[in-house]
């Protein structure tokens, strides 16, 4: 079985008000790429993946005016994918949903959120992901209230053979210091936002711990926007979101070989899953942001991970049409996990 995670940059902009693909010569939200070019590139990439399930990060918009599930299923029909059914959880207001495309002949998938529904009052520990977490972020004996701008997608999954496990799709993000009037204020806001991201990671880890303590196999997929060496706050806070979620020294660790390699070295080449153009410096920045983390029970099944990086993966490089499609489709590249379930 192949399971993937893929952050598709501005997937939402490829659909009209009726959640139909534009697939025309109008500009997409990607720089100098038309909607048709991005749509065709995505179809090529998703077809090459041929995955049983794909956690789509930055999935199309959902809400009063749009239906992310309808949009994704429309795309799957267009691309001829066997992963033709979609499921999502709590909608957000960022136009970047988290959703799963999957093959209904292979998997049964249900949005199954766990934890306390808190309302505005909040709760400690591991409340439901659309709720409010009460936590002291700065050790001032005063509780802060933390919310997810993109609530993680918590799924109950069962294979056709009857193997049941959990999936959590996540997209953590530390907001930019908007509204700052000077450098000092920008730093203060940035540190505050970073604390909130780490609190989200603690919240996510608490939910993971709950499932693993009950003996339920689990994998976490998505874009954590964090890792070793990514920003100036690493030494200030001691641990990254990735390290908090992996909890390698805890009773119920998660594992991702790319994260393990990156965390185990400070110099030398590291795996990367994204490629961004830094306009002031006129160069590309590559970073490891996307992960598929598994519990020991799933790791024991000897899964095989792969980053579909067009410049680093020999098979992708050897296929010019796929290589170009990966560059055109998004600023992130898919990560896959092949595992016997």
C-alpha atoms as a PDB file:
ATOM      1  CA  UNK A   1       0.000   0.000   0.000  1.00  0.00           C
ATOM      2  CA  UNK A   2       1.258   3.494  -0.818  1.00  0.00           C
ATOM      3  CA  UNK A   3       0.377   6.466   1.379  1.00  0.00           C
ATOM      4  CA  UNK A   4       1.483   9.999   0.521  1.00  0.00           C
ATOM      5  CA  UNK A   5       1.496  13.540   1.810  1.00  0.00           C
ATOM      6  CA  UNK A   6       1.591  16.446  -0.628  1.00  0.00           C
ATOM      7  CA  UNK A   7       1.400  20.192  -0.022  1.00  0.00           C
ATOM      8  CA  UNK A   8      -0.135  21.678  -3.171  1.00  0.00           C
ATOM      9  CA  UNK A   9       0.556  25.401  -3.359  1.00  0.00           C
ATOM     10  CA  UNK A  10      -2.701  27.328  -3.852  1.00  0.00           C
ATOM     11  CA  UNK A  11      -4.742  24.366  -5.019  1.00  0.00           C
ATOM     12  CA  UNK A  12      -7.847  26.461  -4.272  1.00  0.00           C
ATOM     13  CA  UNK A  13      -7.097  28.940  -7.056  1.00  0.00           C
ATOM     14  CA  UNK A  14      -7.535  26.242  -9.707  1.00  0.00           C
ATOM     15  CA  UNK A  15     -11.296  25.939  -9.077  1.00  0.00           C
ATOM     16  CA  UNK A  16     -14.204  28.209  -9.954  1.00  0.00           C
ATOM     17  CA  UNK A  17     -17.171  29.146  -7.736  1.00  0.00           C
ATOM     18  CA  UNK A  18     -18.829  25.813  -8.516  1.00  0.00           C
ATOM     19  CA  UNK A  19     -15.679  23.868  -7.564  1.00  0.00           C
ATOM     20  CA  UNK A  20     -14.905  23.012 -11.173  1.00  0.00           C
ATOM     21  CA  UNK A  21     -11.367  23.108 -12.559  1.00  0.00           C
ATOM     22  CA  UNK A  22     -10.603  26.191 -14.621  1.00  0.00           C
ATOM     23  CA  UNK A  23      -7.905  24.378 -16.639  1.00  0.00           C
ATOM     24  CA  UNK A  24      -7.463  27.475 -18.816  1.00  0.00           C
ATOM     25  CA  UNK A  25      -4.811  30.030 -19.757  1.00  0.00           C
ATOM     26  CA  UNK A  26      -5.567  32.326 -16.819  1.00  0.00           C
ATOM     27  CA  UNK A  27      -2.761  32.805 -14.326  1.00  0.00           C
ATOM     28  CA  UNK A  28      -2.644  30.509 -11.336  1.00  0.00           C
ATOM     29  CA  UNK A  29      -1.457  31.817  -7.968  1.00  0.00           C
ATOM     30  CA  UNK A  30       1.964  30.338  -8.804  1.00  0.00           C
ATOM     31  CA  UNK A  31       4.463  32.742 -10.384  1.00  0.00           C
ATOM     32  CA  UNK A  32       4.168  32.792 -14.199  1.00  0.00           C
ATOM     33  CA  UNK A  33       2.330  29.472 -14.321  1.00  0.00           C
ATOM     34  CA  UNK A  34      -1.126  29.225 -15.875  1.00  0.00           C
ATOM     35  CA  UNK A  35      -3.977  27.337 -14.291  1.00  0.00           C
ATOM     36  CA  UNK A  36      -3.866  24.785 -17.102  1.00  0.00           C
ATOM     37  CA  UNK A  37      -0.135  24.254 -16.637  1.00  0.00           C
ATOM     38  CA  UNK A  38      -0.487  23.698 -12.905  1.00  0.00           C
ATOM     39  CA  UNK A  39      -3.558  21.488 -13.322  1.00  0.00           C
ATOM     40  CA  UNK A  40      -1.864  19.299 -15.943  1.00  0.00           C
ATOM     41  CA  UNK A  41       1.291  19.110 -13.834  1.00  0.00           C
ATOM     42  CA  UNK A  42      -0.686  18.039 -10.764  1.00  0.00           C
ATOM     43  CA  UNK A  43      -2.502  15.380 -12.780  1.00  0.00           C
ATOM     44  CA  UNK A  44       0.869  14.041 -13.939  1.00  0.00           C
ATOM     45  CA  UNK A  45       2.266  13.965 -10.394  1.00  0.00           C
ATOM     46  CA  UNK A  46      -0.799  12.383  -8.768  1.00  0.00           C
ATOM     47  CA  UNK A  47      -0.916   9.774 -11.553  1.00  0.00           C
ATOM     48  CA  UNK A  48       2.759   8.928 -11.049  1.00  0.00           C
ATOM     49  CA  UNK A  49       2.252   8.598  -7.295  1.00  0.00           C
ATOM     50  CA  UNK A  50      -0.578   6.086  -7.842  1.00  0.00           C
ATOM     51  CA  UNK A  51      -1.159   6.208  -4.089  1.00  0.00           C
ATOM     52  CA  UNK A  52      -3.918   4.501  -2.144  1.00  0.00           C
ATOM     53  CA  UNK A  53      -4.242   7.634  -0.006  1.00  0.00           C
ATOM     54  CA  UNK A  54      -2.832  11.162  -0.305  1.00  0.00           C
ATOM     55  CA  UNK A  55      -2.955  13.656   2.549  1.00  0.00           C
ATOM     56  CA  UNK A  56      -3.466  16.891   0.643  1.00  0.00           C
ATOM     57  CA  UNK A  57      -2.106  19.882   2.532  1.00  0.00           C
ATOM     58  CA  UNK A  58      -3.382  23.249   1.291  1.00  0.00           C
ATOM     59  CA  UNK A  59      -6.369  21.470  -0.237  1.00  0.00           C
ATOM     60  CA  UNK A  60      -9.100  23.561  -1.955  1.00  0.00           C
ATOM     61  CA  UNK A  61     -11.225  25.932   0.106  1.00  0.00           C
ATOM     62  CA  UNK A  62     -14.275  24.797   2.082  1.00  0.00           C
ATOM     63  CA  UNK A  63     -17.098  26.790   3.599  1.00  0.00           C
ATOM     64  CA  UNK A  64     -20.268  28.588   2.601  1.00  0.00           C
ATOM     65  CA  UNK A  65     -19.104  29.197  -0.972  1.00  0.00           C
ATOM     66  CA  UNK A  66     -16.894  26.176  -1.683  1.00  0.00           C
ATOM     67  CA  UNK A  67     -16.803  22.421  -1.127  1.00  0.00           C
ATOM     68  CA  UNK A  68     -13.276  21.037  -0.773  1.00  0.00           C
ATOM     69  CA  UNK A  69     -14.454  17.433  -1.062  1.00  0.00           C
ATOM     70  CA  UNK A  70     -16.336  18.147  -4.294  1.00  0.00           C
ATOM     71  CA  UNK A  71     -13.337  19.999  -5.715  1.00  0.00           C
ATOM     72  CA  UNK A  72     -10.889  17.202  -4.915  1.00  0.00           C
ATOM     73  CA  UNK A  73     -13.183  14.506  -6.260  1.00  0.00           C
ATOM     74  CA  UNK A  74     -13.642  16.587  -9.427  1.00  0.00           C
ATOM     75  CA  UNK A  75      -9.868  16.757  -9.802  1.00  0.00           C
ATOM     76  CA  UNK A  76      -9.548  12.990  -9.199  1.00  0.00           C
ATOM     77  CA  UNK A  77     -12.081  12.330 -11.973  1.00  0.00           C
ATOM     78  CA  UNK A  78     -10.234  14.686 -14.312  1.00  0.00           C
ATOM     79  CA  UNK A  79      -6.894  13.006 -13.596  1.00  0.00           C
ATOM     80  CA  UNK A  80      -8.335   9.476 -13.670  1.00  0.00           C
ATOM     81  CA  UNK A  81      -7.131   8.619 -10.177  1.00  0.00           C
ATOM     82  CA  UNK A  82      -8.212   5.531  -8.297  1.00  0.00           C
ATOM     83  CA  UNK A  83      -7.857   7.647  -5.122  1.00  0.00           C
ATOM     84  CA  UNK A  84     -11.155   9.243  -6.097  1.00  0.00           C
ATOM     85  CA  UNK A  85     -12.933   9.765  -2.757  1.00  0.00           C
ATOM     86  CA  UNK A  86     -12.161  12.641  -0.415  1.00  0.00           C
ATOM     87  CA  UNK A  87     -12.702  13.368   3.253  1.00  0.00           C
ATOM     88  CA  UNK A  88     -11.896  16.436   5.317  1.00  0.00           C
ATOM     89  CA  UNK A  89     -12.428  17.538   8.885  1.00  0.00           C
ATOM     90  CA  UNK A  90     -12.888  20.948  10.451  1.00  0.00           C
ATOM     91  CA  UNK A  91     -12.846  23.760   7.888  1.00  0.00           C
ATOM     92  CA  UNK A  92     -10.676  26.822   8.429  1.00  0.00           C
ATOM     93  CA  UNK A  93     -10.651  30.367   7.082  1.00  0.00           C
ATOM     94  CA  UNK A  94      -7.255  30.294   5.331  1.00  0.00           C
ATOM     95  CA  UNK A  95      -8.400  28.781   1.988  1.00  0.00           C
ATOM     96  CA  UNK A  96      -5.926  25.995   2.753  1.00  0.00           C
ATOM     97  CA  UNK A  97      -7.752  22.930   4.043  1.00  0.00           C
ATOM     98  CA  UNK A  98      -6.372  19.541   5.052  1.00  0.00           C
ATOM     99  CA  UNK A  99      -8.058  16.636   3.264  1.00  0.00           C
ATOM    100  CA  UNK A 100      -7.431  13.039   2.275  1.00  0.00           C
ATOM    101  CA  UNK A 101      -7.925  11.604  -1.203  1.00  0.00           C
ATOM    102  CA  UNK A 102      -8.206   7.818  -1.044  1.00  0.00           C
ATOM    103  CA  UNK A 103      -9.190   4.712  -2.972  1.00  0.00           C
ATOM    104  CA  UNK A 104     -12.558   3.545  -1.546  1.00  0.00           C
ATOM    105  CA  UNK A 105     -11.935   0.037  -2.900  1.00  0.00           C
ATOM    106  CA  UNK A 106      -8.909  -0.270  -0.624  1.00  0.00           C
ATOM    107  CA  UNK A 107      -9.649   1.885   2.409  1.00  0.00           C
ATOM    108  CA  UNK A 108     -12.559   2.861   4.596  1.00  0.00           C
ATOM    109  CA  UNK A 109     -11.930   6.331   6.014  1.00  0.00           C
ATOM    110  CA  UNK A 110     -13.916   8.371   8.545  1.00  0.00           C
ATOM    111  CA  UNK A 111     -13.317  11.765  10.103  1.00  0.00           C
ATOM    112  CA  UNK A 112     -13.205  10.783  13.765  1.00  0.00           C
ATOM    113  CA  UNK A 113     -12.125  13.693  15.994  1.00  0.00           C
ATOM    114  CA  UNK A 114     -11.258  12.832  19.571  1.00  0.00           C
ATOM    115  CA  UNK A 115     -11.006  14.932  22.706  1.00  0.00           C
ATOM    116  CA  UNK A 116     -13.154  17.388  24.591  1.00  0.00           C
ATOM    117  CA  UNK A 117     -15.215  19.961  22.685  1.00  0.00           C
ATOM    118  CA  UNK A 118     -14.144  23.046  24.588  1.00  0.00           C
ATOM    119  CA  UNK A 119     -15.986  26.075  23.261  1.00  0.00           C
ATOM    120  CA  UNK A 120     -14.356  29.441  23.958  1.00  0.00           C
ATOM    121  CA  UNK A 121     -13.454  28.516  27.550  1.00  0.00           C
ATOM    122  CA  UNK A 122     -10.797  26.049  26.427  1.00  0.00           C
ATOM    123  CA  UNK A 123      -9.323  23.029  28.182  1.00  0.00           C
ATOM    124  CA  UNK A 124      -5.935  21.663  29.178  1.00  0.00           C
ATOM    125  CA  UNK A 125      -4.327  18.523  27.798  1.00  0.00           C
ATOM    126  CA  UNK A 126      -5.557  17.357  24.407  1.00  0.00           C
ATOM    127  CA  UNK A 127      -8.958  18.861  23.570  1.00  0.00           C
ATOM    128  CA  UNK A 128     -10.611  18.388  20.200  1.00  0.00           C
ATOM    129  CA  UNK A 129      -8.617  20.037  17.433  1.00  0.00           C
ATOM    130  CA  UNK A 130     -11.306  22.630  16.676  1.00  0.00           C
ATOM    131  CA  UNK A 131     -11.273  23.734  20.304  1.00  0.00           C
ATOM    132  CA  UNK A 132      -9.063  25.909  22.498  1.00  0.00           C
ATOM    133  CA  UNK A 133      -6.018  24.708  24.430  1.00  0.00           C
ATOM    134  CA  UNK A 134      -5.252  26.398  27.723  1.00  0.00           C
ATOM    135  CA  UNK A 135      -1.507  26.421  28.341  1.00  0.00           C
ATOM    136  CA  UNK A 136       1.083  28.705  29.935  1.00  0.00           C
ATOM    137  CA  UNK A 137       3.340  29.684  27.016  1.00  0.00           C
ATOM    138  CA  UNK A 138       5.777  31.952  28.807  1.00  0.00           C
ATOM    139  CA  UNK A 139       5.924  30.634  32.397  1.00  0.00           C
ATOM    140  CA  UNK A 140       4.183  33.678  33.843  1.00  0.00           C
ATOM    141  CA  UNK A 141       1.613  31.673  35.855  1.00  0.00           C
ATOM    142  CA  UNK A 142      -1.049  32.924  33.438  1.00  0.00           C
ATOM    143  CA  UNK A 143      -2.724  30.581  30.965  1.00  0.00           C
ATOM    144  CA  UNK A 144      -2.830  31.458  27.288  1.00  0.00           C
ATOM    145  CA  UNK A 145      -5.475  30.235  24.872  1.00  0.00           C
ATOM    146  CA  UNK A 146      -4.154  28.543  21.745  1.00  0.00           C
ATOM    147  CA  UNK A 147      -6.125  27.540  18.649  1.00  0.00           C
ATOM    148  CA  UNK A 148      -5.187  25.863  15.381  1.00  0.00           C
ATOM    149  CA  UNK A 149      -5.528  28.133  12.346  1.00  0.00           C
ATOM    150  CA  UNK A 150      -5.683  24.846  10.424  1.00  0.00           C
ATOM    151  CA  UNK A 151      -7.153  22.169  12.745  1.00  0.00           C
ATOM    152  CA  UNK A 152      -5.452  18.789  12.156  1.00  0.00           C
ATOM    153  CA  UNK A 153      -7.461  16.120  10.347  1.00  0.00           C
ATOM    154  CA  UNK A 154      -8.016  13.095  12.587  1.00  0.00           C
ATOM    155  CA  UNK A 155      -9.069   9.957  10.743  1.00  0.00           C
ATOM    156  CA  UNK A 156     -10.073   6.390  11.559  1.00  0.00           C
ATOM    157  CA  UNK A 157      -8.862   4.150   8.734  1.00  0.00           C
ATOM    158  CA  UNK A 158      -9.477   0.493   7.955  1.00  0.00           C
ATOM    159  CA  UNK A 159      -8.000  -1.512   5.102  1.00  0.00           C
ATOM    160  CA  UNK A 160      -9.997  -3.988   3.018  1.00  0.00           C
ATOM    161  CA  UNK A 161      -8.274  -6.786   4.943  1.00  0.00           C
ATOM    162  CA  UNK A 162      -9.538  -5.353   8.250  1.00  0.00           C
ATOM    163  CA  UNK A 163      -6.407  -3.662   9.611  1.00  0.00           C
ATOM    164  CA  UNK A 164      -7.450  -0.548  11.568  1.00  0.00           C
ATOM    165  CA  UNK A 165      -5.207   2.418  12.305  1.00  0.00           C
ATOM    166  CA  UNK A 166      -5.286   6.178  12.760  1.00  0.00           C
ATOM    167  CA  UNK A 167      -4.094   8.971  10.513  1.00  0.00           C
ATOM    168  CA  UNK A 168      -3.564  12.572  11.551  1.00  0.00           C
ATOM    169  CA  UNK A 169      -2.973  15.191   8.873  1.00  0.00           C
ATOM    170  CA  UNK A 170      -1.306  18.376  10.097  1.00  0.00           C
ATOM    171  CA  UNK A 171      -0.195  21.772   8.815  1.00  0.00           C
ATOM    172  CA  UNK A 172       1.564  23.741  11.522  1.00  0.00           C
ATOM    173  CA  UNK A 173       2.535  27.303  10.790  1.00  0.00           C
ATOM    174  CA  UNK A 174       4.072  30.191  12.705  1.00  0.00           C
ATOM    175  CA  UNK A 175       2.516  33.446  11.519  1.00  0.00           C
ATOM    176  CA  UNK A 176       4.677  36.289  10.207  1.00  0.00           C
ATOM    177  CA  UNK A 177       5.033  39.332  12.517  1.00  0.00           C
ATOM    178  CA  UNK A 178       2.280  41.384  10.865  1.00  0.00           C
ATOM    179  CA  UNK A 179       1.648  44.826  12.325  1.00  0.00           C
ATOM    180  CA  UNK A 180       5.137  45.337  13.720  1.00  0.00           C
ATOM    181  CA  UNK A 181       6.289  48.953  13.729  1.00  0.00           C
ATOM    182  CA  UNK A 182      10.012  48.255  14.185  1.00  0.00           C
ATOM    183  CA  UNK A 183      12.555  45.447  14.427  1.00  0.00           C
ATOM    184  CA  UNK A 184      12.167  45.008  18.181  1.00  0.00           C
ATOM    185  CA  UNK A 185       8.395  44.731  17.887  1.00  0.00           C
ATOM    186  CA  UNK A 186       8.747  42.308  14.962  1.00  0.00           C
ATOM    187  CA  UNK A 187      11.022  40.100  17.075  1.00  0.00           C
ATOM    188  CA  UNK A 188       8.578  40.178  20.003  1.00  0.00           C
ATOM    189  CA  UNK A 189       5.636  39.178  17.787  1.00  0.00           C
ATOM    190  CA  UNK A 190       7.700  36.493  16.024  1.00  0.00           C
ATOM    191  CA  UNK A 191       8.719  34.912  19.340  1.00  0.00           C
ATOM    192  CA  UNK A 192       5.110  34.970  20.532  1.00  0.00           C
ATOM    193  CA  UNK A 193       3.931  33.304  17.324  1.00  0.00           C
ATOM    194  CA  UNK A 194       6.673  30.727  17.603  1.00  0.00           C
ATOM    195  CA  UNK A 195       5.541  29.871  21.142  1.00  0.00           C
ATOM    196  CA  UNK A 196       2.031  29.297  19.799  1.00  0.00           C
ATOM    197  CA  UNK A 197       3.340  26.932  17.118  1.00  0.00           C
ATOM    198  CA  UNK A 198       5.239  24.920  19.709  1.00  0.00           C
ATOM    199  CA  UNK A 199       2.085  24.827  21.867  1.00  0.00           C
ATOM    200  CA  UNK A 200       0.237  23.374  18.877  1.00  0.00           C
ATOM    201  CA  UNK A 201       2.951  20.724  18.586  1.00  0.00           C
ATOM    202  CA  UNK A 202       2.534  19.888  22.301  1.00  0.00           C
ATOM    203  CA  UNK A 203      -1.245  19.625  21.752  1.00  0.00           C
ATOM    204  CA  UNK A 204      -0.725  17.372  18.739  1.00  0.00           C
ATOM    205  CA  UNK A 205       1.744  15.195  20.658  1.00  0.00           C
ATOM    206  CA  UNK A 206      -0.763  14.792  23.501  1.00  0.00           C
ATOM    207  CA  UNK A 207      -3.367  13.477  21.060  1.00  0.00           C
ATOM    208  CA  UNK A 208      -0.790  11.107  19.535  1.00  0.00           C
ATOM    209  CA  UNK A 209       0.162   9.889  23.013  1.00  0.00           C
ATOM    210  CA  UNK A 210      -3.467   9.146  23.796  1.00  0.00           C
ATOM    211  CA  UNK A 211      -3.878   6.891  20.763  1.00  0.00           C
ATOM    212  CA  UNK A 212      -0.557   5.106  21.177  1.00  0.00           C
ATOM    213  CA  UNK A 213      -1.178   4.530  24.886  1.00  0.00           C
ATOM    214  CA  UNK A 214      -4.316   2.658  23.856  1.00  0.00           C
ATOM    215  CA  UNK A 215      -2.287   0.501  21.469  1.00  0.00           C
ATOM    216  CA  UNK A 216      -3.792   2.040  18.326  1.00  0.00           C
ATOM    217  CA  UNK A 217      -1.363   2.151  15.357  1.00  0.00           C
ATOM    218  CA  UNK A 218      -0.912   5.702  14.094  1.00  0.00           C
ATOM    219  CA  UNK A 219       0.827   7.758  11.457  1.00  0.00           C
ATOM    220  CA  UNK A 220       1.121  11.522  11.227  1.00  0.00           C
ATOM    221  CA  UNK A 221       1.407  13.165   7.823  1.00  0.00           C
ATOM    222  CA  UNK A 222       1.798  16.740   6.671  1.00  0.00           C
ATOM    223  CA  UNK A 223       3.752  19.960   6.610  1.00  0.00           C
ATOM    224  CA  UNK A 224       5.167  20.907  10.007  1.00  0.00           C
ATOM    225  CA  UNK A 225       6.998  24.035   8.785  1.00  0.00           C
ATOM    226  CA  UNK A 226       9.754  23.239  11.206  1.00  0.00           C
ATOM    227  CA  UNK A 227      12.907  21.267  11.682  1.00  0.00           C
ATOM    228  CA  UNK A 228      16.584  21.582  12.599  1.00  0.00           C
ATOM    229  CA  UNK A 229      18.300  24.759  11.485  1.00  0.00           C
ATOM    230  CA  UNK A 230      15.251  26.428   9.979  1.00  0.00           C
ATOM    231  CA  UNK A 231      15.107  29.611  12.025  1.00  0.00           C
ATOM    232  CA  UNK A 232      16.811  31.841  14.579  1.00  0.00           C
ATOM    233  CA  UNK A 233      14.610  30.652  17.461  1.00  0.00           C
ATOM    234  CA  UNK A 234      15.929  27.087  17.599  1.00  0.00           C
ATOM    235  CA  UNK A 235      18.446  27.784  20.383  1.00  0.00           C
ATOM    236  CA  UNK A 236      15.968  29.991  22.239  1.00  0.00           C
ATOM    237  CA  UNK A 237      13.318  27.284  22.576  1.00  0.00           C
ATOM    238  CA  UNK A 238      15.547  24.216  22.697  1.00  0.00           C
ATOM    239  CA  UNK A 239      13.286  21.894  20.717  1.00  0.00           C
ATOM    240  CA  UNK A 240      11.575  22.189  17.361  1.00  0.00           C
ATOM    241  CA  UNK A 241       7.983  21.180  16.649  1.00  0.00           C
ATOM    242  CA  UNK A 242       9.355  18.124  14.867  1.00  0.00           C
ATOM    243  CA  UNK A 243      11.252  16.976  17.951  1.00  0.00           C
ATOM    244  CA  UNK A 244       8.233  17.524  20.199  1.00  0.00           C
ATOM    245  CA  UNK A 245       5.993  15.439  17.937  1.00  0.00           C
ATOM    246  CA  UNK A 246       8.542  12.654  17.393  1.00  0.00           C
ATOM    247  CA  UNK A 247       9.311  12.420  21.150  1.00  0.00           C
ATOM    248  CA  UNK A 248      12.106   9.953  20.424  1.00  0.00           C
ATOM    249  CA  UNK A 249      13.000   9.572  24.119  1.00  0.00           C
ATOM    250  CA  UNK A 250       9.419   8.977  25.233  1.00  0.00           C
ATOM    251  CA  UNK A 251       7.430   5.799  25.751  1.00  0.00           C
ATOM    252  CA  UNK A 252       5.649   6.082  22.403  1.00  0.00           C
ATOM    253  CA  UNK A 253       8.021   7.625  19.848  1.00  0.00           C
ATOM    254  CA  UNK A 254       7.267   8.303  16.210  1.00  0.00           C
ATOM    255  CA  UNK A 255       9.788   7.797  13.415  1.00  0.00           C
ATOM    256  CA  UNK A 256      10.557   9.416  10.080  1.00  0.00           C
ATOM    257  CA  UNK A 257      13.949   8.579   8.533  1.00  0.00           C
ATOM    258  CA  UNK A 258      14.370  12.001   6.946  1.00  0.00           C
ATOM    259  CA  UNK A 259      13.714  13.761  10.251  1.00  0.00           C
ATOM    260  CA  UNK A 260      16.069  11.336  12.034  1.00  0.00           C
ATOM    261  CA  UNK A 261      18.835  12.057   9.545  1.00  0.00           C
ATOM    262  CA  UNK A 262      18.382  15.819   9.759  1.00  0.00           C
ATOM    263  CA  UNK A 263      18.275  15.821  13.550  1.00  0.00           C
ATOM    264  CA  UNK A 264      21.342  13.596  13.736  1.00  0.00           C
ATOM    265  CA  UNK A 265      23.662  15.995  11.929  1.00  0.00           C
ATOM    266  CA  UNK A 266      24.401  19.706  11.862  1.00  0.00           C
ATOM    267  CA  UNK A 267      26.503  19.875   8.695  1.00  0.00           C
ATOM    268  CA  UNK A 268      26.346  18.112   5.371  1.00  0.00           C
ATOM    269  CA  UNK A 269      23.606  17.328   2.906  1.00  0.00           C
ATOM    270  CA  UNK A 270      20.095  16.879   4.299  1.00  0.00           C
ATOM    271  CA  UNK A 271      16.924  15.561   2.661  1.00  0.00           C
ATOM    272  CA  UNK A 272      14.563  18.304   1.482  1.00  0.00           C
ATOM    273  CA  UNK A 273      10.900  18.353   0.482  1.00  0.00           C
ATOM    274  CA  UNK A 274      10.387  21.950  -0.656  1.00  0.00           C
ATOM    275  CA  UNK A 275      12.002  24.583  -2.845  1.00  0.00           C
ATOM    276  CA  UNK A 276      11.283  28.312  -2.472  1.00  0.00           C
ATOM    277  CA  UNK A 277      12.523  31.297  -4.465  1.00  0.00           C
ATOM    278  CA  UNK A 278      14.130  33.922  -2.208  1.00  0.00           C
ATOM    279  CA  UNK A 279      13.628  37.077  -4.232  1.00  0.00           C
ATOM    280  CA  UNK A 280      16.008  39.455  -2.369  1.00  0.00           C
ATOM    281  CA  UNK A 281      18.822  36.897  -2.590  1.00  0.00           C
ATOM    282  CA  UNK A 282      17.901  35.708  -6.106  1.00  0.00           C
ATOM    283  CA  UNK A 283      18.285  32.051  -5.225  1.00  0.00           C
ATOM    284  CA  UNK A 284      16.288  29.002  -4.183  1.00  0.00           C
ATOM    285  CA  UNK A 285      16.057  27.796  -0.596  1.00  0.00           C
ATOM    286  CA  UNK A 286      15.402  24.113   0.014  1.00  0.00           C
ATOM    287  CA  UNK A 287      14.029  22.808   3.302  1.00  0.00           C
ATOM    288  CA  UNK A 288      12.723  19.643   4.967  1.00  0.00           C
ATOM    289  CA  UNK A 289       9.137  20.498   5.935  1.00  0.00           C
ATOM    290  CA  UNK A 290       6.989  17.488   4.992  1.00  0.00           C
ATOM    291  CA  UNK A 291       6.919  14.258   6.952  1.00  0.00           C
ATOM    292  CA  UNK A 292       5.263  10.872   7.350  1.00  0.00           C
ATOM    293  CA  UNK A 293       5.885   9.780  10.934  1.00  0.00           C
ATOM    294  CA  UNK A 294       4.926   6.297  12.085  1.00  0.00           C
ATOM    295  CA  UNK A 295       4.616   4.517  15.417  1.00  0.00           C
ATOM    296  CA  UNK A 296       6.841   1.504  16.306  1.00  0.00           C
ATOM    297  CA  UNK A 297       4.065  -0.947  15.380  1.00  0.00           C
ATOM    298  CA  UNK A 298       3.957   0.389  11.818  1.00  0.00           C
ATOM    299  CA  UNK A 299       7.714   0.805  11.587  1.00  0.00           C
ATOM    300  CA  UNK A 300       8.055  -2.909  12.372  1.00  0.00           C
ATOM    301  CA  UNK A 301       6.344  -3.587   9.040  1.00  0.00           C
ATOM    302  CA  UNK A 302       9.482  -2.244   7.311  1.00  0.00           C
ATOM    303  CA  UNK A 303       7.957   0.648   5.362  1.00  0.00           C
ATOM    304  CA  UNK A 304       9.905   2.435   2.642  1.00  0.00           C
ATOM    305  CA  UNK A 305       9.913   6.232   2.500  1.00  0.00           C
ATOM    306  CA  UNK A 306      10.545   8.319  -0.609  1.00  0.00           C
ATOM    307  CA  UNK A 307      10.754  12.051  -1.317  1.00  0.00           C
ATOM    308  CA  UNK A 308       9.712  12.750  -4.892  1.00  0.00           C
ATOM    309  CA  UNK A 309      12.263  15.512  -5.354  1.00  0.00           C
ATOM    310  CA  UNK A 310      12.768  16.210  -9.073  1.00  0.00           C
ATOM    311  CA  UNK A 311      16.445  17.091  -8.653  1.00  0.00           C
ATOM    312  CA  UNK A 312      17.451  14.562  -5.984  1.00  0.00           C
ATOM    313  CA  UNK A 313      15.459  11.422  -6.818  1.00  0.00           C
ATOM    314  CA  UNK A 314      17.096   9.532  -9.741  1.00  0.00           C
ATOM    315  CA  UNK A 315      13.824   8.077 -11.031  1.00  0.00           C
ATOM    316  CA  UNK A 316      12.150  11.508 -11.074  1.00  0.00           C
ATOM    317  CA  UNK A 317      15.174  13.066 -12.756  1.00  0.00           C
ATOM    318  CA  UNK A 318      15.202  10.344 -15.433  1.00  0.00           C
ATOM    319  CA  UNK A 319      11.631  11.210 -16.498  1.00  0.00           C
ATOM    320  CA  UNK A 320      11.696  14.783 -17.876  1.00  0.00           C
ATOM    321  CA  UNK A 321       7.916  15.102 -18.010  1.00  0.00           C
ATOM    322  CA  UNK A 322       7.554  14.069 -14.353  1.00  0.00           C
ATOM    323  CA  UNK A 323      10.552  16.162 -13.300  1.00  0.00           C
ATOM    324  CA  UNK A 324       9.082  19.279 -14.930  1.00  0.00           C
ATOM    325  CA  UNK A 325       5.613  18.519 -13.572  1.00  0.00           C
ATOM    326  CA  UNK A 326       6.927  18.325 -10.001  1.00  0.00           C
ATOM    327  CA  UNK A 327       8.530  21.763 -10.376  1.00  0.00           C
ATOM    328  CA  UNK A 328       5.427  23.278 -11.996  1.00  0.00           C
ATOM    329  CA  UNK A 329       2.819  21.754  -9.690  1.00  0.00           C
ATOM    330  CA  UNK A 330       3.925  23.104  -6.296  1.00  0.00           C
ATOM    331  CA  UNK A 331       6.765  24.485  -4.208  1.00  0.00           C
ATOM    332  CA  UNK A 332       6.606  21.264  -2.150  1.00  0.00           C
ATOM    333  CA  UNK A 333       7.285  17.733  -3.329  1.00  0.00           C
ATOM    334  CA  UNK A 334       5.330  14.606  -2.337  1.00  0.00           C
ATOM    335  CA  UNK A 335       6.541  12.185   0.303  1.00  0.00           C
ATOM    336  CA  UNK A 336       5.378   8.576   0.045  1.00  0.00           C
ATOM    337  CA  UNK A 337       5.365   5.582   2.348  1.00  0.00           C
ATOM    338  CA  UNK A 338       5.114   2.070   0.923  1.00  0.00           C
ATOM    339  CA  UNK A 339       3.947  -0.330   3.615  1.00  0.00           C
ATOM    340  CA  UNK A 340       2.284  -3.719   3.899  1.00  0.00           C
ATOM    341  CA  UNK A 341      -1.034  -3.206   5.679  1.00  0.00           C
END
